[in-house]
PDB file of N, CA and C in Angstrom:
ATOM      1  N   UNK A   1     122.363 227.388  79.809  1.00  0.00           N
ATOM      2  CA  UNK A   1     122.924 227.290  81.136  1.00  0.00           C
ATOM      3  C   UNK A   1     124.442 227.345  81.034  1.00  0.00           C
ATOM      4  N   UNK A   2     125.031 228.243  81.811  1.00  0.00           N
ATOM      5  CA  UNK A   2     126.480 228.403  81.801  1.00  0.00           C
ATOM      6  C   UNK A   2     127.137 227.271  82.583  1.00  0.00           C
ATOM      7  N   UNK A   3     128.275 226.795  82.089  1.00  0.00           N
ATOM      8  CA  UNK A   3     129.024 225.755  82.784  1.00  0.00           C
ATOM      9  C   UNK A   3     130.463 226.218  83.002  1.00  0.00           C
ATOM     10  N   UNK A   4     131.150 225.537  83.897  1.00  0.00           N
ATOM     11  CA  UNK A   4     132.561 225.808  84.149  1.00  0.00           C
ATOM     12  C   UNK A   4     133.240 224.515  84.538  1.00  0.00           C
ATOM     13  N   UNK A   5     134.570 224.513  84.476  1.00  0.00           N
ATOM     14  CA  UNK A   5     135.347 223.323  84.814  1.00  0.00           C
ATOM     15  C   UNK A   5     135.800 223.392  86.258  1.00  0.00           C
ATOM     16  N   UNK A   6     135.709 222.281  86.945  1.00  0.00           N
ATOM     17  CA  UNK A   6     136.176 222.170  88.330  1.00  0.00           C
ATOM     18  C   UNK A   6     136.581 220.726  88.582  1.00  0.00           C
ATOM     19  N   UNK A   7     137.357 220.514  89.619  1.00  0.00           N
ATOM     20  CA  UNK A   7     137.771 219.167  90.008  1.00  0.00           C
ATOM     21  C   UNK A   7     136.915 218.729  91.186  1.00  0.00           C
ATOM     22  N   UNK A   8     136.281 217.569  91.046  1.00  0.00           N
ATOM     23  CA  UNK A   8     135.458 217.007  92.111  1.00  0.00           C
ATOM     24  C   UNK A   8     136.045 215.648  92.476  1.00  0.00           C
ATOM     25  N   UNK A   9     136.508 215.530  93.718  1.00  0.00           N
ATOM     26  CA  UNK A   9     137.112 214.277  94.190  1.00  0.00           C
ATOM     27  C   UNK A   9     138.161 213.740  93.218  1.00  0.00           C
ATOM     28  N   UNK A  10     138.992 214.654  92.699  1.00  0.00           N
ATOM     29  CA  UNK A  10     140.111 214.264  91.850  1.00  0.00           C
ATOM     30  C   UNK A  10     139.805 214.122  90.370  1.00  0.00           C
ATOM     31  N   UNK A  11     138.568 214.343  89.961  1.00  0.00           N
ATOM     32  CA  UNK A  11     138.189 214.218  88.553  1.00  0.00           C
ATOM     33  C   UNK A  11     137.749 215.588  88.043  1.00  0.00           C
ATOM     34  N   UNK A  12     138.298 216.033  86.910  1.00  0.00           N
ATOM     35  CA  UNK A  12     137.926 217.318  86.336  1.00  0.00           C
ATOM     36  C   UNK A  12     136.656 217.150  85.515  1.00  0.00           C
ATOM     37  N   UNK A  13     135.662 217.972  85.853  1.00  0.00           N
ATOM     38  CA  UNK A  13     134.342 217.880  85.238  1.00  0.00           C
ATOM     39  C   UNK A  13     133.839 219.255  84.832  1.00  0.00           C
ATOM     40  N   UNK A  14     132.927 219.284  83.896  1.00  0.00           N
ATOM     41  CA  UNK A  14     132.236 220.508  83.537  1.00  0.00           C
ATOM     42  C   UNK A  14     130.953 220.551  84.368  1.00  0.00           C
ATOM     43  N   UNK A  15     130.819 221.589  85.189  1.00  0.00           N
ATOM     44  CA  UNK A  15     129.698 221.696  86.111  1.00  0.00           C
ATOM     45  C   UNK A  15     128.813 222.883  85.742  1.00  0.00           C
ATOM     46  N   UNK A  16     127.498 222.741  85.891  1.00  0.00           N
ATOM     47  CA  UNK A  16     126.618 223.896  85.706  1.00  0.00           C
ATOM     48  C   UNK A  16     126.920 224.949  86.776  1.00  0.00           C
ATOM     49  N   UNK A  17     127.042 226.189  86.379  1.00  0.00           N
ATOM     50  CA  UNK A  17     127.413 227.258  87.305  1.00  0.00           C
ATOM     51  C   UNK A  17     126.351 227.504  88.365  1.00  0.00           C
ATOM     52  N   UNK A  18     125.105 227.173  88.079  1.00  0.00           N
ATOM     53  CA  UNK A  18     124.029 227.467  89.031  1.00  0.00           C
ATOM     54  C   UNK A  18     123.512 226.225  89.749  1.00  0.00           C
ATOM     55  N   UNK A  19     124.293 225.152  89.779  1.00  0.00           N
ATOM     56  CA  UNK A  19     123.839 223.917  90.418  1.00  0.00           C
ATOM     57  C   UNK A  19     123.842 224.043  91.937  1.00  0.00           C
ATOM     58  N   UNK A  20     123.100 223.166  92.581  1.00  0.00           N
ATOM     59  CA  UNK A  20     123.063 223.083  94.036  1.00  0.00           C
ATOM     60  C   UNK A  20     123.858 221.859  94.480  1.00  0.00           C
ATOM     61  N   UNK A  21     124.127 221.762  95.780  1.00  0.00           N
ATOM     62  CA  UNK A  21     124.813 220.584  96.307  1.00  0.00           C
ATOM     63  C   UNK A  21     123.983 219.331  96.026  1.00  0.00           C
ATOM     64  N   UNK A  22     122.684 219.411  96.253  1.00  0.00           N
ATOM     65  CA  UNK A  22     121.824 218.252  96.010  1.00  0.00           C
ATOM     66  C   UNK A  22     121.880 217.802  94.558  1.00  0.00           C
ATOM     67  N   UNK A  23     121.873 218.747  93.633  1.00  0.00           N
ATOM     68  CA  UNK A  23     121.939 218.401  92.208  1.00  0.00           C
ATOM     69  C   UNK A  23     123.277 217.752  91.859  1.00  0.00           C
ATOM     70  N   UNK A  24     124.377 218.296  92.391  1.00  0.00           N
ATOM     71  CA  UNK A  24     125.693 217.701  92.142  1.00  0.00           C
ATOM     72  C   UNK A  24     125.784 216.303  92.742  1.00  0.00           C
ATOM     73  N   UNK A  25     125.316 216.160  93.976  1.00  0.00           N
ATOM     74  CA  UNK A  25     125.363 214.860  94.640  1.00  0.00           C
ATOM     75  C   UNK A  25     124.613 213.817  93.815  1.00  0.00           C
ATOM     76  N   UNK A  26     123.410 214.152  93.364  1.00  0.00           N
ATOM     77  CA  UNK A  26     122.614 213.213  92.567  1.00  0.00           C
ATOM     78  C   UNK A  26     123.299 212.886  91.241  1.00  0.00           C
ATOM     79  N   UNK A  27     123.801 213.913  90.556  1.00  0.00           N
ATOM     80  CA  UNK A  27     124.422 213.717  89.249  1.00  0.00           C
ATOM     81  C   UNK A  27     125.695 212.884  89.334  1.00  0.00           C
ATOM     82  N   UNK A  28     126.415 212.995  90.468  1.00  0.00           N
ATOM     83  CA  UNK A  28     127.693 212.299  90.622  1.00  0.00           C
ATOM     84  C   UNK A  28     127.582 211.027  91.464  1.00  0.00           C
ATOM     85  N   UNK A  29     126.342 210.651  91.810  1.00  0.00           N
ATOM     86  CA  UNK A  29     126.087 209.411  92.564  1.00  0.00           C
ATOM     87  C   UNK A  29     126.848 209.360  93.880  1.00  0.00           C
ATOM     88  N   UNK A  30     126.836 210.486  94.597  1.00  0.00           N
ATOM     89  CA  UNK A  30     127.475 210.562  95.907  1.00  0.00           C
ATOM     90  C   UNK A  30     126.457 210.181  96.982  1.00  0.00           C
ATOM     91  N   UNK A  31     126.906 209.659  98.126  1.00  0.00           N
ATOM     92  CA  UNK A  31     125.982 209.283  99.211  1.00  0.00           C
ATOM     93  C   UNK A  31     125.205 210.490  99.732  1.00  0.00           C
ATOM     94  N   UNK A  32     123.998 210.246 100.191  1.00  0.00           N
ATOM     95  CA  UNK A  32     123.125 211.315 100.684  1.00  0.00           C
ATOM     96  C   UNK A  32     123.699 212.069 101.865  1.00  0.00           C
ATOM     97  N   UNK A  33     124.553 211.426 102.656  1.00  0.00           N
ATOM     98  CA  UNK A  33     125.096 212.089 103.837  1.00  0.00           C
ATOM     99  C   UNK A  33     126.463 212.738 103.593  1.00  0.00           C
ATOM    100  N   UNK A  34     126.909 212.784 102.347  1.00  0.00           N
ATOM    101  CA  UNK A  34     128.201 213.402 102.026  1.00  0.00           C
ATOM    102  C   UNK A  34     128.034 214.918 101.929  1.00  0.00           C
ATOM    103  N   UNK A  35     128.896 215.642 102.627  1.00  0.00           N
ATOM    104  CA  UNK A  35     128.856 217.104 102.642  1.00  0.00           C
ATOM    105  C   UNK A  35     129.819 217.627 101.573  1.00  0.00           C
ATOM    106  N   UNK A  36     129.491 218.785 100.984  1.00  0.00           N
ATOM    107  CA  UNK A  36     130.348 219.375  99.964  1.00  0.00           C
ATOM    108  C   UNK A  36     131.346 220.320 100.619  1.00  0.00           C
ATOM    109  N   UNK A  37     132.629 220.093 100.331  1.00  0.00           N
ATOM    110  CA  UNK A  37     133.722 220.935 100.806  1.00  0.00           C
ATOM    111  C   UNK A  37     134.349 221.560  99.561  1.00  0.00           C
ATOM    112  N   UNK A  38     134.431 222.885  99.545  1.00  0.00           N
ATOM    113  CA  UNK A  38     134.938 223.606  98.373  1.00  0.00           C
ATOM    114  C   UNK A  38     136.235 224.323  98.713  1.00  0.00           C
ATOM    115  N   UNK A  39     137.211 224.270  97.793  1.00  0.00           N
ATOM    116  CA  UNK A  39     138.487 224.952  97.986  1.00  0.00           C
ATOM    117  C   UNK A  39     138.602 226.055  96.943  1.00  0.00           C
ATOM    118  N   UNK A  40     138.708 227.297  97.442  1.00  0.00           N
ATOM    119  CA  UNK A  40     138.797 228.484  96.596  1.00  0.00           C
ATOM    120  C   UNK A  40     140.051 229.243  96.977  1.00  0.00           C
ATOM    121  N   UNK A  41     141.132 229.060  96.230  1.00  0.00           N
ATOM    122  CA  UNK A  41     142.381 229.738  96.575  1.00  0.00           C
ATOM    123  C   UNK A  41     142.836 229.358  97.963  1.00  0.00           C
ATOM    124  N   UNK A  42     142.853 230.342  98.886  1.00  0.00           N
ATOM    125  CA  UNK A  42     143.301 230.051 100.248  1.00  0.00           C
ATOM    126  C   UNK A  42     142.140 229.897 101.227  1.00  0.00           C
ATOM    127  N   UNK A  43     140.924 229.684 100.713  1.00  0.00           N
ATOM    128  CA  UNK A  43     139.752 229.481 101.563  1.00  0.00           C
ATOM    129  C   UNK A  43     139.144 228.103 101.348  1.00  0.00           C
ATOM    130  N   UNK A  44     138.540 227.598 102.421  1.00  0.00           N
ATOM    131  CA  UNK A  44     137.793 226.342 102.361  1.00  0.00           C
ATOM    132  C   UNK A  44     136.390 226.649 102.850  1.00  0.00           C
ATOM    133  N   UNK A  45     135.382 226.161 102.121  1.00  0.00           N
ATOM    134  CA  UNK A  45     133.988 226.362 102.520  1.00  0.00           C
ATOM    135  C   UNK A  45     133.292 225.020 102.647  1.00  0.00           C
ATOM    136  N   UNK A  46     132.488 224.899 103.696  1.00  0.00           N
ATOM    137  CA  UNK A  46     131.640 223.735 103.892  1.00  0.00           C
ATOM    138  C   UNK A  46     130.212 224.232 103.677  1.00  0.00           C
ATOM    139  N   UNK A  47     129.507 223.646 102.720  1.00  0.00           N
ATOM    140  CA  UNK A  47     128.162 224.116 102.383  1.00  0.00           C
ATOM    141  C   UNK A  47     127.136 223.419 103.267  1.00  0.00           C
ATOM    142  N   UNK A  48     126.307 224.225 103.939  1.00  0.00           N
ATOM    143  CA  UNK A  48     125.256 223.700 104.807  1.00  0.00           C
ATOM    144  C   UNK A  48     123.889 223.763 104.136  1.00  0.00           C
ATOM    145  N   UNK A  49     123.655 224.795 103.329  1.00  0.00           N
ATOM    146  CA  UNK A  49     122.372 224.960 102.640  1.00  0.00           C
ATOM    147  C   UNK A  49     122.478 224.276 101.285  1.00  0.00           C
ATOM    148  N   UNK A  50     122.013 223.056 101.219  1.00  0.00           N
ATOM    149  CA  UNK A  50     122.220 222.230 100.032  1.00  0.00           C
ATOM    150  C   UNK A  50     121.265 222.540  98.892  1.00  0.00           C
ATOM    151  N   UNK A  51     120.283 223.404  99.136  1.00  0.00           N
ATOM    152  CA  UNK A  51     119.338 223.777  98.093  1.00  0.00           C
ATOM    153  C   UNK A  51     119.625 225.151  97.489  1.00  0.00           C
ATOM    154  N   UNK A  52     120.574 225.877  98.078  1.00  0.00           N
ATOM    155  CA  UNK A  52     120.954 227.186  97.542  1.00  0.00           C
ATOM    156  C   UNK A  52     121.917 226.992  96.369  1.00  0.00           C
ATOM    157  N   UNK A  53     121.787 227.807  95.357  1.00  0.00           N
ATOM    158  CA  UNK A  53     122.685 227.741  94.201  1.00  0.00           C
ATOM    159  C   UNK A  53     124.117 228.043  94.638  1.00  0.00           C
ATOM    160  N   UNK A  54     125.059 227.237  94.170  1.00  0.00           N
ATOM    161  CA  UNK A  54     126.466 227.469  94.525  1.00  0.00           C
ATOM    162  C   UNK A  54     126.931 228.840  94.055  1.00  0.00           C
ATOM    163  N   UNK A  55     126.357 229.339  92.961  1.00  0.00           N
ATOM    164  CA  UNK A  55     126.749 230.647  92.439  1.00  0.00           C
ATOM    165  C   UNK A  55     126.464 231.779  93.430  1.00  0.00           C
ATOM    166  N   UNK A  56     125.640 231.526  94.460  1.00  0.00           N
ATOM    167  CA  UNK A  56     125.321 232.522  95.480  1.00  0.00           C
ATOM    168  C   UNK A  56     126.276 232.443  96.673  1.00  0.00           C
ATOM    169  N   UNK A  57     127.199 231.494  96.656  1.00  0.00           N
ATOM    170  CA  UNK A  57     128.079 231.236  97.799  1.00  0.00           C
ATOM    171  C   UNK A  57     129.550 231.395  97.421  1.00  0.00           C
ATOM    172  N   UNK A  58     130.403 231.547  98.430  1.00  0.00           N
ATOM    173  CA  UNK A  58     131.852 231.522  98.206  1.00  0.00           C
ATOM    174  C   UNK A  58     132.223 230.201  97.525  1.00  0.00           C
ATOM    175  N   UNK A  59     131.569 229.126  97.922  1.00  0.00           N
ATOM    176  CA  UNK A  59     131.846 227.799  97.358  1.00  0.00           C
ATOM    177  C   UNK A  59     131.634 227.753  95.852  1.00  0.00           C
ATOM    178  N   UNK A  60     130.817 228.646  95.319  1.00  0.00           N
ATOM    179  CA  UNK A  60     130.564 228.665  93.877  1.00  0.00           C
ATOM    180  C   UNK A  60     131.756 229.095  93.056  1.00  0.00           C
ATOM    181  N   UNK A  61     132.760 229.701  93.698  1.00  0.00           N
ATOM    182  CA  UNK A  61     133.978 230.140  93.000  1.00  0.00           C
ATOM    183  C   UNK A  61     135.091 229.100  93.065  1.00  0.00           C
ATOM    184  N   UNK A  62     134.833 227.976  93.673  1.00  0.00           N
ATOM    185  CA  UNK A  62     135.884 226.980  93.921  1.00  0.00           C
ATOM    186  C   UNK A  62     136.408 226.342  92.645  1.00  0.00           C
ATOM    187  N   UNK A  63     137.678 225.968  92.695  1.00  0.00           N
ATOM    188  CA  UNK A  63     138.298 225.189  91.618  1.00  0.00           C
ATOM    189  C   UNK A  63     138.241 223.708  91.938  1.00  0.00           C
ATOM    190  N   UNK A  64     138.170 223.408  93.234  1.00  0.00           N
ATOM    191  CA  UNK A  64     138.216 222.023  93.692  1.00  0.00           C
ATOM    192  C   UNK A  64     137.109 221.778  94.709  1.00  0.00           C
ATOM    193  N   UNK A  65     136.436 220.634  94.551  1.00  0.00           N
ATOM    194  CA  UNK A  65     135.387 220.223  95.481  1.00  0.00           C
ATOM    195  C   UNK A  65     135.663 218.804  95.964  1.00  0.00           C
ATOM    196  N   UNK A  66     135.247 218.554  97.186  1.00  0.00           N
ATOM    197  CA  UNK A  66     135.299 217.201  97.744  1.00  0.00           C
ATOM    198  C   UNK A  66     133.941 216.892  98.359  1.00  0.00           C
ATOM    199  N   UNK A  67     133.490 215.672  98.197  1.00  0.00           N
ATOM    200  CA  UNK A  67     132.340 215.199  98.957  1.00  0.00           C
ATOM    201  C   UNK A  67     132.912 214.352 100.081  1.00  0.00           C
ATOM    202  N   UNK A  68     132.533 214.664 101.312  1.00  0.00           N
ATOM    203  CA  UNK A  68     133.092 213.955 102.458  1.00  0.00           C
ATOM    204  C   UNK A  68     131.983 213.531 103.411  1.00  0.00           C
ATOM    205  N   UNK A  69     132.058 212.291 103.823  1.00  0.00           N
ATOM    206  CA  UNK A  69     131.136 211.778 104.821  1.00  0.00           C
ATOM    207  C   UNK A  69     131.782 211.901 106.196  1.00  0.00           C
ATOM    208  N   UNK A  70     130.956 212.069 107.227  1.00  0.00           N
ATOM    209  CA  UNK A  70     131.492 212.094 108.595  1.00  0.00           C
ATOM    210  C   UNK A  70     132.255 210.811 108.846  1.00  0.00           C
ATOM    211  N   UNK A  71     133.426 210.970 109.442  1.00  0.00           N
ATOM    212  CA  UNK A  71     134.249 209.803 109.738  1.00  0.00           C
ATOM    213  C   UNK A  71     134.941 209.237 108.506  1.00  0.00           C
ATOM    214  N   UNK A  72     134.817 209.931 107.367  1.00  0.00           N
ATOM    215  CA  UNK A  72     135.458 209.473 106.140  1.00  0.00           C
ATOM    216  C   UNK A  72     136.960 209.671 106.197  1.00  0.00           C
ATOM    217  N   UNK A  73     137.665 209.118 105.236  1.00  0.00           N
ATOM    218  CA  UNK A  73     139.133 209.217 105.244  1.00  0.00           C
ATOM    219  C   UNK A  73     139.618 210.655 105.077  1.00  0.00           C
ATOM    220  N   UNK A  74     140.730 210.942 105.727  1.00  0.00           N
ATOM    221  CA  UNK A  74     141.375 212.247 105.608  1.00  0.00           C
ATOM    222  C   UNK A  74     142.368 212.167 104.460  1.00  0.00           C
ATOM    223  N   UNK A  75     141.880 212.403 103.251  1.00  0.00           N
ATOM    224  CA  UNK A  75     142.672 212.191 102.041  1.00  0.00           C
ATOM    225  C   UNK A  75     143.723 213.254 101.788  1.00  0.00           C
ATOM    226  N   UNK A  76     143.601 214.406 102.437  1.00  0.00           N
ATOM    227  CA  UNK A  76     144.567 215.486 102.250  1.00  0.00           C
ATOM    228  C   UNK A  76     144.469 216.455 103.428  1.00  0.00           C
ATOM    229  N   UNK A  77     145.291 217.525 103.397  1.00  0.00           N
ATOM    230  CA  UNK A  77     145.313 218.460 104.528  1.00  0.00           C
ATOM    231  C   UNK A  77     143.999 219.216 104.693  1.00  0.00           C
ATOM    232  N   UNK A  78     143.254 219.436 103.623  1.00  0.00           N
ATOM    233  CA  UNK A  78     141.961 220.118 103.718  1.00  0.00           C
ATOM    234  C   UNK A  78     140.956 219.232 104.451  1.00  0.00           C
ATOM    235  N   UNK A  79     140.868 217.976 104.060  1.00  0.00           N
ATOM    236  CA  UNK A  79     139.894 217.072 104.668  1.00  0.00           C
ATOM    237  C   UNK A  79     140.295 216.631 106.077  1.00  0.00           C
ATOM    238  N   UNK A  80     141.547 216.899 106.456  1.00  0.00           N
ATOM    239  CA  UNK A  80     142.019 216.560 107.800  1.00  0.00           C
ATOM    240  C   UNK A  80     142.011 217.765 108.739  1.00  0.00           C
ATOM    241  N   UNK A  81     141.619 218.932 108.250  1.00  0.00           N
ATOM    242  CA  UNK A  81     141.673 220.158 109.049  1.00  0.00           C
ATOM    243  C   UNK A  81     140.700 220.109 110.225  1.00  0.00           C
ATOM    244  N   UNK A  82     141.165 220.506 111.414  1.00  0.00           N
ATOM    245  CA  UNK A  82     140.264 220.539 112.569  1.00  0.00           C
ATOM    246  C   UNK A  82     139.083 221.486 112.359  1.00  0.00           C
ATOM    247  N   UNK A  83     139.290 222.556 111.580  1.00  0.00           N
ATOM    248  CA  UNK A  83     138.196 223.487 111.293  1.00  0.00           C
ATOM    249  C   UNK A  83     137.070 222.794 110.533  1.00  0.00           C
ATOM    250  N   UNK A  84     137.432 221.822 109.706  1.00  0.00           N
ATOM    251  CA  UNK A  84     136.425 221.070 108.954  1.00  0.00           C
ATOM    252  C   UNK A  84     135.595 220.230 109.915  1.00  0.00           C
ATOM    253  N   UNK A  85     136.257 219.598 110.850  1.00  0.00           N
ATOM    254  CA  UNK A  85     135.524 218.809 111.847  1.00  0.00           C
ATOM    255  C   UNK A  85     134.574 219.687 112.657  1.00  0.00           C
ATOM    256  N   UNK A  86     135.028 220.903 112.995  1.00  0.00           N
ATOM    257  CA  UNK A  86     134.168 221.834 113.723  1.00  0.00           C
ATOM    258  C   UNK A  86     132.947 222.208 112.896  1.00  0.00           C
ATOM    259  N   UNK A  87     133.145 222.441 111.607  1.00  0.00           N
ATOM    260  CA  UNK A  87     132.032 222.809 110.724  1.00  0.00           C
ATOM    261  C   UNK A  87     131.050 221.662 110.559  1.00  0.00           C
ATOM    262  N   UNK A  88     131.547 220.433 110.618  1.00  0.00           N
ATOM    263  CA  UNK A  88     130.684 219.263 110.459  1.00  0.00           C
ATOM    264  C   UNK A  88     130.034 218.831 111.772  1.00  0.00           C
ATOM    265  N   UNK A  89     130.521 219.360 112.893  1.00  0.00           N
ATOM    266  CA  UNK A  89     130.058 218.899 114.201  1.00  0.00           C
ATOM    267  C   UNK A  89     128.578 219.176 114.442  1.00  0.00           C
ATOM    268  N   UNK A  90     128.100 220.319 113.984  1.00  0.00           N
ATOM    269  CA  UNK A  90     126.692 220.655 114.172  1.00  0.00           C
ATOM    270  C   UNK A  90     125.873 220.170 112.991  1.00  0.00           C
ATOM    271  N   UNK A  91     124.675 219.764 113.266  1.00  0.00           N
ATOM    272  CA  UNK A  91     123.744 219.355 112.213  1.00  0.00           C
ATOM    273  C   UNK A  91     123.452 220.549 111.321  1.00  0.00           C
ATOM    274  N   UNK A  92     123.305 220.324 110.037  1.00  0.00           N
ATOM    275  CA  UNK A  92     122.973 221.417 109.125  1.00  0.00           C
ATOM    276  C   UNK A  92     121.621 222.025 109.473  1.00  0.00           C
ATOM    277  N   UNK A  93     120.750 221.278 110.138  1.00  0.00           N
ATOM    278  CA  UNK A  93     119.449 221.801 110.536  1.00  0.00           C
ATOM    279  C   UNK A  93     119.584 222.866 111.618  1.00  0.00           C
ATOM    280  N   UNK A  94     120.675 222.827 112.380  1.00  0.00           N
ATOM    281  CA  UNK A  94     120.881 223.775 113.464  1.00  0.00           C
ATOM    282  C   UNK A  94     121.607 225.035 113.007  1.00  0.00           C
ATOM    283  N   UNK A  95     122.022 225.091 111.781  1.00  0.00           N
ATOM    284  CA  UNK A  95     122.822 226.207 111.288  1.00  0.00           C
ATOM    285  C   UNK A  95     121.944 227.242 110.608  1.00  0.00           C
ATOM    286  N   UNK A  96     122.295 228.503 110.848  1.00  0.00           N
ATOM    287  CA  UNK A  96     121.586 229.582 110.183  1.00  0.00           C
ATOM    288  C   UNK A  96     122.317 230.014 108.923  1.00  0.00           C
ATOM    289  N   UNK A  97     123.632 229.846 108.894  1.00  0.00           N
ATOM    290  CA  UNK A  97     124.408 230.295 107.743  1.00  0.00           C
ATOM    291  C   UNK A  97     124.395 229.230 106.643  1.00  0.00           C
ATOM    292  N   UNK A  98     124.587 229.675 105.417  1.00  0.00           N
ATOM    293  CA  UNK A  98     124.555 228.779 104.268  1.00  0.00           C
ATOM    294  C   UNK A  98     125.849 227.994 104.117  1.00  0.00           C
ATOM    295  N   UNK A  99     126.958 228.553 104.628  1.00  0.00           N
ATOM    296  CA  UNK A  99     128.252 227.883 104.526  1.00  0.00           C
ATOM    297  C   UNK A  99     129.164 228.370 105.639  1.00  0.00           C
ATOM    298  N   UNK A 100     130.145 227.531 105.957  1.00  0.00           N
ATOM    299  CA  UNK A 100     131.190 227.896 106.901  1.00  0.00           C
ATOM    300  C   UNK A 100     132.478 227.998 106.104  1.00  0.00           C
ATOM    301  N   UNK A 101     133.176 229.133 106.222  1.00  0.00           N
ATOM    302  CA  UNK A 101     134.402 229.353 105.460  1.00  0.00           C
ATOM    303  C   UNK A 101     135.552 229.601 106.426  1.00  0.00           C
ATOM    304  N   UNK A 102     136.703 228.974 106.129  1.00  0.00           N
ATOM    305  CA  UNK A 102     137.896 229.163 106.951  1.00  0.00           C
ATOM    306  C   UNK A 102     139.125 229.141 106.052  1.00  0.00           C
ATOM    307  N   UNK A 103     140.262 229.611 106.582  1.00  0.00           N
ATOM    308  CA  UNK A 103     141.493 229.643 105.796  1.00  0.00           C
ATOM    309  C   UNK A 103     142.005 228.232 105.562  1.00  0.00           C
ATOM    310  N   UNK A 104     142.473 228.013 104.362  1.00  0.00           N
ATOM    311  CA  UNK A 104     142.973 226.698 103.972  1.00  0.00           C
ATOM    312  C   UNK A 104     144.231 226.340 104.771  1.00  0.00           C
ATOM    313  N   UNK A 105     144.243 225.135 105.349  1.00  0.00           N
ATOM    314  CA  UNK A 105     145.446 224.716 106.091  1.00  0.00           C
ATOM    315  C   UNK A 105     146.611 224.464 105.141  1.00  0.00           C
ATOM    316  N   UNK A 106     147.802 224.646 105.655  1.00  0.00           N
ATOM    317  CA  UNK A 106     148.986 224.354 104.863  1.00  0.00           C
ATOM    318  C   UNK A 106     149.437 225.497 103.986  1.00  0.00           C
ATOM    319  N   UNK A 107     148.771 226.651 104.050  1.00  0.00           N
ATOM    320  CA  UNK A 107     149.161 227.809 103.254  1.00  0.00           C
ATOM    321  C   UNK A 107     149.610 228.895 104.221  1.00  0.00           C
ATOM    322  N   UNK A 108     150.714 229.548 103.890  1.00  0.00           N
ATOM    323  CA  UNK A 108     151.208 230.651 104.715  1.00  0.00           C
ATOM    324  C   UNK A 108     150.311 231.853 104.462  1.00  0.00           C
ATOM    325  N   UNK A 109     149.495 232.215 105.445  1.00  0.00           N
ATOM    326  CA  UNK A 109     148.539 233.306 105.286  1.00  0.00           C
ATOM    327  C   UNK A 109     149.132 234.655 105.677  1.00  0.00           C
ATOM    328  N   UNK A 110     150.360 234.638 106.122  1.00  0.00           N
ATOM    329  CA  UNK A 110     151.020 235.871 106.543  1.00  0.00           C
ATOM    330  C   UNK A 110     152.069 236.239 105.521  1.00  0.00           C
ATOM    331  N   UNK A 111     152.048 237.482 105.108  1.00  0.00           N
ATOM    332  CA  UNK A 111     153.070 237.924 104.150  1.00  0.00           C
ATOM    333  C   UNK A 111     154.147 238.671 104.901  1.00  0.00           C
ATOM    334  N   UNK A 112     155.367 238.514 104.453  1.00  0.00           N
ATOM    335  CA  UNK A 112     156.467 239.233 105.080  1.00  0.00           C
ATOM    336  C   UNK A 112     156.743 240.487 104.273  1.00  0.00           C
ATOM    337  N   UNK A 113     156.782 241.602 104.956  1.00  0.00           N
ATOM    338  CA  UNK A 113     157.009 242.888 104.273  1.00  0.00           C
ATOM    339  C   UNK A 113     158.412 243.362 104.521  1.00  0.00           C
TER     340      UNK A 113
END
């Protein structure tokens, strides 16, 4: 099984490349209601399909992951983003997509030519 290094809630860990959110949550003793938020360069993804392999999602390319509970602390600009609240507003049971991806807050997404 291939592994890679990533930061999860501020700790750098070696993670299996084909793990699911449920497997990571169990292995890291995170609460059952904590959602996985992944940061990949200038994108942020919220994973809704917790049984799909991360390697099949944009979130699988992330360098940094956060587990966040609804109403949890806004520890940084990513976890405080209004887009994150919008992604968390609907129940994962009501979603058809596997993840919601949006541009990372605090990064200049426009280049000057």
